[in-house]
Every structure is written in structure tokens, then in C-alpha cells.
């Protein structure tokens, strides 16, 4: 048994799995705090390192590619306060961190754990139901359906059709992109047979993120959805079909019926005519609607 206890969190290793518990320090990110304790099987680990610093060191875990739906959905964009696989180590505990590192490395060697990518998720992802509010909307996921609800900050052209419900079986992917600099981020759901290049501001299948405190919680929603989609390394015949062949056509939802889409087109035209939407914004939003008609 090896254990290291820090303000940033506690890591415990029993020879078969690592238990990662976030600390109560004010610098612990909201994502880690909400995600809670993680149990990481040794077989999901590709490596571990300890980096000594002047004031504090860092323990870092490297997972095998494709092992964790959270890392898959976040695409390597989790910063330190929110990354559950990093631990800040105080300078007087560097000896403990080095011992912990050696214990894990020895177990990896003895068990001959490969570091190559995996073909199935080895972690379950966040539990559901799960809900997060940030940017211009609230996203909820119950394991079968994604529900997007808009707030007063949502662009009128996107909010006009009201709340959206997306069945998991109609999703082909999910992506979380945090805000960076002057660029807004997003949580985007890719819907089968409904591709769009519209910015998240106008995409009814996306939530726009502005870099506020709760934005990282959207990564947990993305991870919960990702965990229930076919693994990226799964054989092609196990992935969702892009066409409707071999599947029962989904019944149109009330917000997607023809009349609702026509109303949205008229509202877009009014916004464009009044100068609220630029020519480019109007064209992108209109194309997104026309592709669904």
C-alpha cells in the first residue's frame, strides 16, 4: 500500500488500482470537486511521473489512449485545477511522491501492463443523471436523452424553437471546447444526418461557453455521453450508421416540425433586417435550419 496525502488531494495505491480523492483546498477545480473520487484500474495506466518544482512538485498520471471517456471528450484540454490525473505535492513531501511513483512503476512492470491504446473504455465515466448550467444554456443527461434548455442570454435565433431533446441513439459524437483568450468555447453534440458549420452561438445542438467558473462542468456531461457512445476504436459495424439504413426512422419531435422551422426562418429574417444579425451570421444560421427541413 502506498499513499500520499496533500491539500490538493489524496492518492492511494493498493497494487491493483489507484484511488484518487480530490482535496478540500480552494485551488481544487470545480470539475474535480464535482467528479469526486476516482478508482483507476492499473490496466488503464500508461505511466506516472513526478516533477520536482521550487515551491511544489507535480505527480502526473498518463492514461492509455482511449481508456477514459472524460479525456476522450475533453481532447486534452483540461487545465491543472480540473485535471483529476495531476496532484500538487508540497516540497516537504517530495520523498513520499518519489516512493509512490516507484511503487506504481514497479507494479506496471510486474504486471506487464502495455502502454498502447485500448479498444474499450476502462473507466465508466460520470454517473447519471447529470445536469450543468453555463454559458447560454443548461444541459441535462439521463443516460438515454440529452436535454438542452436556453436562458435569457441565448441568441434569439437559437432559442426560438425552445427546449431541445436529443436521443443518445441519434448522436454520433460530443465535444467540449473551453473558452480560450477572446475565443468562446462550446459543448457541441453531433447529430446524425444534421451536420452544421454554424457557430455554437447559433447551433441549436450546442451550448456556447464564455470562460466562466462552471464551464468545466460541461466536460462532465460530455464525458457521460461519450462513455455511452461506441468507442472510437470500435469496429466500423459497431458504430452508429450515418445514414438511416437498417434503423427505424426517428419520429420527429415537436420542436423540429416543419412549422416550427418556418417560424425560426421568419424570425431570423426579422433579426437580419433589423441589423441584429450580420449577413454572415444570418447565412450560417439559415443554413443550419434549412439542413433540418
C-alpha atoms as a PDB file:
ATOM      1  CA  UNK A   1       0.000   0.000   0.000  1.00  0.00           C
ATOM      2  CA  UNK A   2       1.295   3.434  -0.964  1.00  0.00           C
ATOM      3  CA  UNK A   3      -0.422   6.700  -0.124  1.00  0.00           C
ATOM      4  CA  UNK A   4       0.238  10.398  -0.417  1.00  0.00           C
ATOM      5  CA  UNK A   5      -1.992  12.939   1.343  1.00  0.00           C
ATOM      6  CA  UNK A   6      -1.917  16.576   0.249  1.00  0.00           C
ATOM      7  CA  UNK A   7      -4.151  19.638   0.410  1.00  0.00           C
ATOM      8  CA  UNK A   8      -4.769  19.125  -3.299  1.00  0.00           C
ATOM      9  CA  UNK A   9      -5.973  15.560  -2.757  1.00  0.00           C
ATOM     10  CA  UNK A  10      -5.111  12.035  -1.644  1.00  0.00           C
ATOM     11  CA  UNK A  11      -3.793   9.284  -3.905  1.00  0.00           C
ATOM     12  CA  UNK A  12      -3.776   5.670  -2.697  1.00  0.00           C
ATOM     13  CA  UNK A  13      -2.381   2.617  -4.500  1.00  0.00           C
ATOM     14  CA  UNK A  14      -3.110  -0.952  -3.341  1.00  0.00           C
ATOM     15  CA  UNK A  15      -1.228  -2.797  -6.086  1.00  0.00           C
ATOM     16  CA  UNK A  16      -4.266  -3.225  -8.334  1.00  0.00           C
ATOM     17  CA  UNK A  17      -5.896   0.205  -8.552  1.00  0.00           C
ATOM     18  CA  UNK A  18      -5.297   3.855  -7.743  1.00  0.00           C
ATOM     19  CA  UNK A  19      -7.861   5.735  -5.694  1.00  0.00           C
ATOM     20  CA  UNK A  20      -7.807   9.473  -6.452  1.00  0.00           C
ATOM     21  CA  UNK A  21      -9.674  11.679  -3.978  1.00  0.00           C
ATOM     22  CA  UNK A  22      -9.807  15.462  -4.517  1.00  0.00           C
ATOM     23  CA  UNK A  23      -8.811  17.659  -1.591  1.00  0.00           C
ATOM     24  CA  UNK A  24     -10.727  20.498   0.009  1.00  0.00           C
ATOM     25  CA  UNK A  25      -8.207  23.178  -0.888  1.00  0.00           C
ATOM     26  CA  UNK A  26      -9.592  26.329  -2.516  1.00  0.00           C
ATOM     27  CA  UNK A  27      -7.407  25.686  -5.571  1.00  0.00           C
ATOM     28  CA  UNK A  28      -9.117  22.373  -6.372  1.00  0.00           C
ATOM     29  CA  UNK A  29     -11.128  22.918  -9.560  1.00  0.00           C
ATOM     30  CA  UNK A  30     -14.911  22.623  -9.692  1.00  0.00           C
ATOM     31  CA  UNK A  31     -14.730  19.703 -12.119  1.00  0.00           C
ATOM     32  CA  UNK A  32     -12.556  17.612  -9.782  1.00  0.00           C
ATOM     33  CA  UNK A  33     -14.693  18.561  -6.807  1.00  0.00           C
ATOM     34  CA  UNK A  34     -17.909  17.542  -8.583  1.00  0.00           C
ATOM     35  CA  UNK A  35     -16.460  14.382 -10.117  1.00  0.00           C
ATOM     36  CA  UNK A  36     -15.390  13.180  -6.691  1.00  0.00           C
ATOM     37  CA  UNK A  37     -13.324  10.079  -6.019  1.00  0.00           C
ATOM     38  CA  UNK A  38     -11.992   8.077  -8.960  1.00  0.00           C
ATOM     39  CA  UNK A  39     -10.875   4.463  -8.925  1.00  0.00           C
ATOM     40  CA  UNK A  40      -8.388   3.890 -11.710  1.00  0.00           C
ATOM     41  CA  UNK A  41      -7.530   0.255 -12.579  1.00  0.00           C
ATOM     42  CA  UNK A  42      -3.817  -0.360 -13.074  1.00  0.00           C
ATOM     43  CA  UNK A  43      -4.532  -1.646 -16.582  1.00  0.00           C
ATOM     44  CA  UNK A  44      -5.746   1.821 -17.644  1.00  0.00           C
ATOM     45  CA  UNK A  45      -2.424   3.430 -16.774  1.00  0.00           C
ATOM     46  CA  UNK A  46       0.356   4.070 -19.283  1.00  0.00           C
ATOM     47  CA  UNK A  47       2.777   5.755 -16.895  1.00  0.00           C
ATOM     48  CA  UNK A  48       3.416   8.011 -13.906  1.00  0.00           C
ATOM     49  CA  UNK A  49       5.921  10.792 -13.284  1.00  0.00           C
ATOM     50  CA  UNK A  50       6.940  13.154 -10.507  1.00  0.00           C
ATOM     51  CA  UNK A  51       8.216  16.612 -11.430  1.00  0.00           C
ATOM     52  CA  UNK A  52      10.036  18.471  -8.677  1.00  0.00           C
ATOM     53  CA  UNK A  53       9.486  22.247  -8.531  1.00  0.00           C
ATOM     54  CA  UNK A  54      10.949  25.111  -6.498  1.00  0.00           C
ATOM     55  CA  UNK A  55       7.853  25.533  -4.342  1.00  0.00           C
ATOM     56  CA  UNK A  56       5.806  22.452  -5.201  1.00  0.00           C
ATOM     57  CA  UNK A  57       6.069  19.371  -7.333  1.00  0.00           C
ATOM     58  CA  UNK A  58       3.561  17.586  -9.571  1.00  0.00           C
ATOM     59  CA  UNK A  59       2.531  13.959  -9.686  1.00  0.00           C
ATOM     60  CA  UNK A  60       1.135  13.150 -13.122  1.00  0.00           C
ATOM     61  CA  UNK A  61      -0.619  10.053 -14.391  1.00  0.00           C
ATOM     62  CA  UNK A  62      -0.627   9.203 -18.073  1.00  0.00           C
ATOM     63  CA  UNK A  63      -3.553   7.033 -19.133  1.00  0.00           C
ATOM     64  CA  UNK A  64      -3.637   4.687 -22.082  1.00  0.00           C
ATOM     65  CA  UNK A  65      -5.258   6.340 -25.071  1.00  0.00           C
ATOM     66  CA  UNK A  66      -8.979   5.600 -25.199  1.00  0.00           C
ATOM     67  CA  UNK A  67      -9.209   4.376 -21.585  1.00  0.00           C
ATOM     68  CA  UNK A  68     -11.135   7.330 -20.135  1.00  0.00           C
ATOM     69  CA  UNK A  69     -14.262   8.899 -21.702  1.00  0.00           C
ATOM     70  CA  UNK A  70     -13.535  12.172 -19.875  1.00  0.00           C
ATOM     71  CA  UNK A  71     -10.147  12.578 -21.548  1.00  0.00           C
ATOM     72  CA  UNK A  72     -11.669  11.461 -24.849  1.00  0.00           C
ATOM     73  CA  UNK A  73     -14.399  14.116 -24.690  1.00  0.00           C
ATOM     74  CA  UNK A  74     -12.106  16.873 -23.398  1.00  0.00           C
ATOM     75  CA  UNK A  75      -9.449  16.184 -26.014  1.00  0.00           C
ATOM     76  CA  UNK A  76      -6.527  17.041 -23.738  1.00  0.00           C
ATOM     77  CA  UNK A  77      -7.947  20.465 -22.876  1.00  0.00           C
ATOM     78  CA  UNK A  78      -8.340  20.036 -19.096  1.00  0.00           C
ATOM     79  CA  UNK A  79      -6.208  22.574 -17.224  1.00  0.00           C
ATOM     80  CA  UNK A  80      -4.466  21.742 -13.955  1.00  0.00           C
ATOM     81  CA  UNK A  81      -7.173  22.798 -11.465  1.00  0.00           C
ATOM     82  CA  UNK A  82      -9.636  20.484 -13.226  1.00  0.00           C
ATOM     83  CA  UNK A  83      -7.401  17.596 -14.319  1.00  0.00           C
ATOM     84  CA  UNK A  84      -8.016  14.657 -11.920  1.00  0.00           C
ATOM     85  CA  UNK A  85      -4.765  12.999 -13.011  1.00  0.00           C
ATOM     86  CA  UNK A  86      -2.446  15.667 -11.586  1.00  0.00           C
ATOM     87  CA  UNK A  87      -1.629  16.222  -7.928  1.00  0.00           C
ATOM     88  CA  UNK A  88       0.217  19.202  -6.440  1.00  0.00           C
ATOM     89  CA  UNK A  89       2.861  17.952  -3.983  1.00  0.00           C
ATOM     90  CA  UNK A  90       4.287  20.214  -1.285  1.00  0.00           C
ATOM     91  CA  UNK A  91       8.084  20.442  -1.230  1.00  0.00           C
ATOM     92  CA  UNK A  92       8.453  18.613   2.086  1.00  0.00           C
ATOM     93  CA  UNK A  93       6.565  15.588   0.699  1.00  0.00           C
ATOM     94  CA  UNK A  94       8.691  15.038  -2.394  1.00  0.00           C
ATOM     95  CA  UNK A  95      10.225  11.890  -0.881  1.00  0.00           C
ATOM     96  CA  UNK A  96       6.766  10.368  -0.435  1.00  0.00           C
ATOM     97  CA  UNK A  97       5.878  11.311  -4.022  1.00  0.00           C
ATOM     98  CA  UNK A  98       9.025   9.625  -5.350  1.00  0.00           C
ATOM     99  CA  UNK A  99       8.247   6.472  -3.349  1.00  0.00           C
ATOM    100  CA  UNK A 100       4.649   6.480  -4.634  1.00  0.00           C
ATOM    101  CA  UNK A 101       5.914   6.844  -8.207  1.00  0.00           C
ATOM    102  CA  UNK A 102       8.289   3.905  -7.854  1.00  0.00           C
ATOM    103  CA  UNK A 103       5.595   1.686  -6.351  1.00  0.00           C
ATOM    104  CA  UNK A 104       3.258   2.309  -9.311  1.00  0.00           C
ATOM    105  CA  UNK A 105       6.038   1.905 -11.881  1.00  0.00           C
ATOM    106  CA  UNK A 106       7.116  -1.387 -10.319  1.00  0.00           C
ATOM    107  CA  UNK A 107       3.548  -2.700 -10.434  1.00  0.00           C
ATOM    108  CA  UNK A 108       3.250  -1.727 -14.106  1.00  0.00           C
ATOM    109  CA  UNK A 109       6.429  -3.655 -14.880  1.00  0.00           C
ATOM    110  CA  UNK A 110       5.497  -6.716 -12.830  1.00  0.00           C
ATOM    111  CA  UNK A 111       2.013  -6.897 -14.326  1.00  0.00           C
ATOM    112  CA  UNK A 112       3.433  -6.176 -17.794  1.00  0.00           C
ATOM    113  CA  UNK A 113       0.750  -3.572 -18.437  1.00  0.00           C
ATOM    114  CA  UNK A 114       1.100  -2.329 -22.039  1.00  0.00           C
ATOM    115  CA  UNK A 115       1.044   1.389 -22.778  1.00  0.00           C
ATOM    116  CA  UNK A 116      -0.602   1.116 -26.188  1.00  0.00           C
ATOM    117  CA  UNK A 117      -4.179   2.390 -26.890  1.00  0.00           C
ATOM    118  CA  UNK A 118      -7.195   0.369 -25.771  1.00  0.00           C
ATOM    119  CA  UNK A 119     -10.290  -0.615 -27.741  1.00  0.00           C
ATOM    120  CA  UNK A 120     -12.825  -0.078 -24.949  1.00  0.00           C
ATOM    121  CA  UNK A 121     -13.273   2.356 -22.087  1.00  0.00           C
ATOM    122  CA  UNK A 122     -11.719   1.141 -18.842  1.00  0.00           C
ATOM    123  CA  UNK A 123     -13.409   3.824 -16.730  1.00  0.00           C
ATOM    124  CA  UNK A 124     -17.195   4.224 -16.532  1.00  0.00           C
ATOM    125  CA  UNK A 125     -17.408   7.984 -16.863  1.00  0.00           C
ATOM    126  CA  UNK A 126     -19.507  10.289 -14.641  1.00  0.00           C
ATOM    127  CA  UNK A 127     -22.693   8.824 -13.211  1.00  0.00           C
ATOM    128  CA  UNK A 128     -26.098   9.956 -14.453  1.00  0.00           C
ATOM    129  CA  UNK A 129     -28.464  11.731 -14.237  1.00  0.00           C
ATOM    130  CA  UNK A 130     -26.252  14.765 -14.646  1.00  0.00           C
ATOM    131  CA  UNK A 131     -27.002  18.427 -15.267  1.00  0.00           C
ATOM    132  CA  UNK A 132     -24.855  21.534 -15.747  1.00  0.00           C
ATOM    133  CA  UNK A 133     -25.631  25.195 -16.394  1.00  0.00           C
ATOM    134  CA  UNK A 134     -23.127  27.501 -18.066  1.00  0.00           C
ATOM    135  CA  UNK A 135     -22.916  29.966 -20.917  1.00  0.00           C
ATOM    136  CA  UNK A 136     -26.203  30.274 -22.779  1.00  0.00           C
ATOM    137  CA  UNK A 137     -27.933  27.119 -21.558  1.00  0.00           C
ATOM    138  CA  UNK A 138     -28.424  24.133 -19.286  1.00  0.00           C
ATOM    139  CA  UNK A 139     -27.669  20.584 -20.413  1.00  0.00           C
ATOM    140  CA  UNK A 140     -29.105  17.505 -18.713  1.00  0.00           C
ATOM    141  CA  UNK A 141     -28.384  13.851 -19.488  1.00  0.00           C
ATOM    142  CA  UNK A 142     -30.233  10.857 -18.040  1.00  0.00           C
ATOM    143  CA  UNK A 143     -28.303   8.136 -19.837  1.00  0.00           C
ATOM    144  CA  UNK A 144     -30.658   7.981 -22.823  1.00  0.00           C
ATOM    145  CA  UNK A 145     -31.506  11.580 -23.744  1.00  0.00           C
ATOM    146  CA  UNK A 146     -29.771  14.926 -23.782  1.00  0.00           C
ATOM    147  CA  UNK A 147     -31.940  17.929 -22.940  1.00  0.00           C
ATOM    148  CA  UNK A 148     -30.861  21.478 -23.823  1.00  0.00           C
ATOM    149  CA  UNK A 149     -32.673  24.396 -22.214  1.00  0.00           C
ATOM    150  CA  UNK A 150     -31.883  28.005 -23.029  1.00  0.00           C
ATOM    151  CA  UNK A 151     -31.603  31.053 -20.778  1.00  0.00           C
ATOM    152  CA  UNK A 152     -32.111  34.792 -21.245  1.00  0.00           C
ATOM    153  CA  UNK A 153     -28.591  35.132 -22.675  1.00  0.00           C
ATOM    154  CA  UNK A 154     -29.269  32.746 -25.569  1.00  0.00           C
ATOM    155  CA  UNK A 155     -29.302  34.235 -29.055  1.00  0.00           C
ATOM    156  CA  UNK A 156     -32.926  34.631 -30.150  1.00  0.00           C
ATOM    157  CA  UNK A 157     -32.329  32.743 -33.388  1.00  0.00           C
ATOM    158  CA  UNK A 158     -31.293  29.657 -31.411  1.00  0.00           C
ATOM    159  CA  UNK A 159     -33.789  29.913 -28.591  1.00  0.00           C
ATOM    160  CA  UNK A 160     -36.801  30.394 -30.863  1.00  0.00           C
ATOM    161  CA  UNK A 161     -37.562  26.671 -31.152  1.00  0.00           C
ATOM    162  CA  UNK A 162     -37.432  26.187 -27.383  1.00  0.00           C
ATOM    163  CA  UNK A 163     -36.044  23.278 -25.412  1.00  0.00           C
ATOM    164  CA  UNK A 164     -34.367  20.502 -27.425  1.00  0.00           C
ATOM    165  CA  UNK A 165     -34.254  16.792 -26.675  1.00  0.00           C
ATOM    166  CA  UNK A 166     -31.669  14.609 -28.413  1.00  0.00           C
ATOM    167  CA  UNK A 167     -31.807  10.816 -28.170  1.00  0.00           C
ATOM    168  CA  UNK A 168     -28.468   9.145 -27.488  1.00  0.00           C
ATOM    169  CA  UNK A 169     -29.094   6.860 -30.467  1.00  0.00           C
ATOM    170  CA  UNK A 170     -29.144   9.897 -32.764  1.00  0.00           C
ATOM    171  CA  UNK A 171     -25.770  11.219 -31.596  1.00  0.00           C
ATOM    172  CA  UNK A 172     -22.523  10.452 -33.400  1.00  0.00           C
ATOM    173  CA  UNK A 173     -20.211  12.451 -31.153  1.00  0.00           C
ATOM    174  CA  UNK A 174     -19.766  15.100 -28.478  1.00  0.00           C
ATOM    175  CA  UNK A 175     -17.064  17.723 -27.995  1.00  0.00           C
ATOM    176  CA  UNK A 176     -16.183  20.064 -25.153  1.00  0.00           C
ATOM    177  CA  UNK A 177     -14.042  23.058 -26.021  1.00  0.00           C
ATOM    178  CA  UNK A 178     -13.204  25.542 -23.236  1.00  0.00           C
ATOM    179  CA  UNK A 179     -13.018  29.264 -23.882  1.00  0.00           C
ATOM    180  CA  UNK A 180      -9.500  30.470 -24.677  1.00  0.00           C
ATOM    181  CA  UNK A 181      -8.460  34.096 -24.754  1.00  0.00           C
ATOM    182  CA  UNK A 182     -11.025  36.029 -26.761  1.00  0.00           C
ATOM    183  CA  UNK A 183     -12.442  32.838 -28.280  1.00  0.00           C
ATOM    184  CA  UNK A 184     -15.610  31.420 -26.705  1.00  0.00           C
ATOM    185  CA  UNK A 185     -15.835  27.710 -26.058  1.00  0.00           C
ATOM    186  CA  UNK A 186     -18.695  25.253 -26.552  1.00  0.00           C
ATOM    187  CA  UNK A 187     -20.279  21.922 -25.768  1.00  0.00           C
ATOM    188  CA  UNK A 188     -21.374  20.530 -29.125  1.00  0.00           C
ATOM    189  CA  UNK A 189     -23.415  17.428 -29.902  1.00  0.00           C
ATOM    190  CA  UNK A 190     -23.027  15.931 -33.364  1.00  0.00           C
ATOM    191  CA  UNK A 191     -26.389  14.690 -34.608  1.00  0.00           C
ATOM    192  CA  UNK A 192     -26.674  12.037 -37.294  1.00  0.00           C
ATOM    193  CA  UNK A 193     -27.616  13.424 -40.721  1.00  0.00           C
ATOM    194  CA  UNK A 194     -27.580  17.005 -39.392  1.00  0.00           C
ATOM    195  CA  UNK A 195     -24.048  18.366 -39.958  1.00  0.00           C
ATOM    196  CA  UNK A 196     -23.550  22.078 -39.410  1.00  0.00           C
ATOM    197  CA  UNK A 197     -20.754  24.629 -39.531  1.00  0.00           C
ATOM    198  CA  UNK A 198     -22.749  27.215 -37.591  1.00  0.00           C
ATOM    199  CA  UNK A 199     -21.011  28.794 -34.595  1.00  0.00           C
ATOM    200  CA  UNK A 200     -22.183  27.486 -31.216  1.00  0.00           C
ATOM    201  CA  UNK A 201     -23.936  30.820 -30.730  1.00  0.00           C
ATOM    202  CA  UNK A 202     -26.481  29.783 -33.389  1.00  0.00           C
ATOM    203  CA  UNK A 203     -26.208  25.984 -33.375  1.00  0.00           C
ATOM    204  CA  UNK A 204     -29.267  24.523 -31.570  1.00  0.00           C
ATOM    205  CA  UNK A 205     -27.224  21.413 -30.718  1.00  0.00           C
ATOM    206  CA  UNK A 206     -24.514  23.402 -28.923  1.00  0.00           C
ATOM    207  CA  UNK A 207     -24.094  25.424 -25.754  1.00  0.00           C
ATOM    208  CA  UNK A 208     -21.804  28.433 -26.059  1.00  0.00           C
ATOM    209  CA  UNK A 209     -19.305  28.832 -23.195  1.00  0.00           C
ATOM    210  CA  UNK A 210     -17.742  32.129 -22.157  1.00  0.00           C
ATOM    211  CA  UNK A 211     -14.975  31.071 -19.795  1.00  0.00           C
ATOM    212  CA  UNK A 212     -16.859  31.293 -16.508  1.00  0.00           C
ATOM    213  CA  UNK A 213     -16.371  29.133 -13.406  1.00  0.00           C
ATOM    214  CA  UNK A 214     -18.985  26.489 -14.252  1.00  0.00           C
ATOM    215  CA  UNK A 215     -17.815  25.872 -17.835  1.00  0.00           C
ATOM    216  CA  UNK A 216     -15.728  22.784 -16.886  1.00  0.00           C
ATOM    217  CA  UNK A 217     -18.861  21.044 -15.568  1.00  0.00           C
ATOM    218  CA  UNK A 218     -19.996  20.782 -19.186  1.00  0.00           C
ATOM    219  CA  UNK A 219     -16.988  18.476 -19.704  1.00  0.00           C
ATOM    220  CA  UNK A 220     -18.577  16.049 -17.240  1.00  0.00           C
ATOM    221  CA  UNK A 221     -21.778  15.980 -19.304  1.00  0.00           C
ATOM    222  CA  UNK A 222     -19.675  15.397 -22.418  1.00  0.00           C
ATOM    223  CA  UNK A 223     -17.860  12.526 -20.681  1.00  0.00           C
ATOM    224  CA  UNK A 224     -21.105  10.890 -19.529  1.00  0.00           C
ATOM    225  CA  UNK A 225     -22.402  10.947 -23.112  1.00  0.00           C
ATOM    226  CA  UNK A 226     -19.050   9.825 -24.550  1.00  0.00           C
ATOM    227  CA  UNK A 227     -18.988   6.811 -22.228  1.00  0.00           C
ATOM    228  CA  UNK A 228     -22.270   5.591 -23.711  1.00  0.00           C
ATOM    229  CA  UNK A 229     -21.332   6.104 -27.361  1.00  0.00           C
ATOM    230  CA  UNK A 230     -19.394   3.454 -29.298  1.00  0.00           C
ATOM    231  CA  UNK A 231     -15.684   3.610 -28.539  1.00  0.00           C
ATOM    232  CA  UNK A 232     -13.649   5.403 -31.255  1.00  0.00           C
ATOM    233  CA  UNK A 233     -11.600   2.235 -31.756  1.00  0.00           C
ATOM    234  CA  UNK A 234     -14.662   0.003 -32.122  1.00  0.00           C
ATOM    235  CA  UNK A 235     -15.110  -1.832 -35.442  1.00  0.00           C
ATOM    236  CA  UNK A 236     -17.000   0.142 -38.058  1.00  0.00           C
ATOM    237  CA  UNK A 237     -20.001  -2.180 -37.906  1.00  0.00           C
ATOM    238  CA  UNK A 238     -20.443  -1.357 -34.205  1.00  0.00           C
ATOM    239  CA  UNK A 239     -20.542   2.403 -34.705  1.00  0.00           C
ATOM    240  CA  UNK A 240     -23.715   4.405 -35.371  1.00  0.00           C
ATOM    241  CA  UNK A 241     -24.646   4.444 -39.049  1.00  0.00           C
ATOM    242  CA  UNK A 242     -24.527   7.879 -40.625  1.00  0.00           C
ATOM    243  CA  UNK A 243     -27.428   7.046 -42.892  1.00  0.00           C
ATOM    244  CA  UNK A 244     -30.802   5.749 -41.843  1.00  0.00           C
ATOM    245  CA  UNK A 245     -30.231   2.335 -43.416  1.00  0.00           C
ATOM    246  CA  UNK A 246     -31.058  -0.539 -41.128  1.00  0.00           C
ATOM    247  CA  UNK A 247     -32.639   1.685 -38.496  1.00  0.00           C
ATOM    248  CA  UNK A 248     -36.184   2.661 -37.716  1.00  0.00           C
ATOM    249  CA  UNK A 249     -36.656   6.339 -38.580  1.00  0.00           C
ATOM    250  CA  UNK A 250     -36.978   8.529 -35.513  1.00  0.00           C
ATOM    251  CA  UNK A 251     -40.283  10.243 -35.031  1.00  0.00           C
ATOM    252  CA  UNK A 252     -39.971  13.996 -35.458  1.00  0.00           C
ATOM    253  CA  UNK A 253     -40.090  15.898 -32.190  1.00  0.00           C
ATOM    254  CA  UNK A 254     -42.426  18.853 -31.753  1.00  0.00           C
ATOM    255  CA  UNK A 255     -39.612  21.378 -31.865  1.00  0.00           C
ATOM    256  CA  UNK A 256     -38.382  20.016 -35.187  1.00  0.00           C
ATOM    257  CA  UNK A 257     -41.635  20.026 -37.107  1.00  0.00           C
ATOM    258  CA  UNK A 258     -41.939  21.972 -40.329  1.00  0.00           C
ATOM    259  CA  UNK A 259     -43.978  24.841 -38.929  1.00  0.00           C
ATOM    260  CA  UNK A 260     -41.521  25.484 -36.110  1.00  0.00           C
ATOM    261  CA  UNK A 261     -38.627  25.620 -38.570  1.00  0.00           C
ATOM    262  CA  UNK A 262     -40.542  28.041 -40.795  1.00  0.00           C
ATOM    263  CA  UNK A 263     -41.185  30.278 -37.778  1.00  0.00           C
ATOM    264  CA  UNK A 264     -37.498  30.265 -36.987  1.00  0.00           C
ATOM    265  CA  UNK A 265     -36.652  31.244 -40.541  1.00  0.00           C
ATOM    266  CA  UNK A 266     -39.041  34.195 -40.343  1.00  0.00           C
ATOM    267  CA  UNK A 267     -37.531  35.272 -37.013  1.00  0.00           C
ATOM    268  CA  UNK A 268     -34.050  35.039 -38.486  1.00  0.00           C
ATOM    269  CA  UNK A 269     -35.134  37.245 -41.376  1.00  0.00           C
ATOM    270  CA  UNK A 270     -36.513  39.847 -38.962  1.00  0.00           C
ATOM    271  CA  UNK A 271     -33.304  39.826 -36.912  1.00  0.00           C
ATOM    272  CA  UNK A 272     -31.243  40.239 -40.063  1.00  0.00           C
ATOM    273  CA  UNK A 273     -33.460  43.028 -41.398  1.00  0.00           C
ATOM    274  CA  UNK A 274     -33.247  44.918 -38.096  1.00  0.00           C
ATOM    275  CA  UNK A 275     -29.456  44.669 -38.063  1.00  0.00           C
ATOM    276  CA  UNK A 276     -29.143  42.303 -35.067  1.00  0.00           C
ATOM    277  CA  UNK A 277     -27.564  39.618 -37.293  1.00  0.00           C
ATOM    278  CA  UNK A 278     -24.791  40.327 -39.771  1.00  0.00           C
ATOM    279  CA  UNK A 279     -25.002  38.903 -43.297  1.00  0.00           C
ATOM    280  CA  UNK A 280     -22.592  36.119 -42.380  1.00  0.00           C
ATOM    281  CA  UNK A 281     -24.382  35.235 -39.139  1.00  0.00           C
ATOM    282  CA  UNK A 282     -27.732  35.192 -40.902  1.00  0.00           C
ATOM    283  CA  UNK A 283     -26.431  32.931 -43.668  1.00  0.00           C
ATOM    284  CA  UNK A 284     -24.903  30.418 -41.230  1.00  0.00           C
ATOM    285  CA  UNK A 285     -27.974  30.266 -39.016  1.00  0.00           C
ATOM    286  CA  UNK A 286     -30.296  29.950 -42.022  1.00  0.00           C
ATOM    287  CA  UNK A 287     -28.231  27.118 -43.497  1.00  0.00           C
ATOM    288  CA  UNK A 288     -28.389  25.239 -40.197  1.00  0.00           C
ATOM    289  CA  UNK A 289     -32.196  25.392 -40.252  1.00  0.00           C
ATOM    290  CA  UNK A 290     -32.552  24.522 -43.942  1.00  0.00           C
ATOM    291  CA  UNK A 291     -30.456  21.375 -43.446  1.00  0.00           C
ATOM    292  CA  UNK A 292     -33.049  20.144 -40.943  1.00  0.00           C
ATOM    293  CA  UNK A 293     -36.084  20.750 -43.155  1.00  0.00           C
END
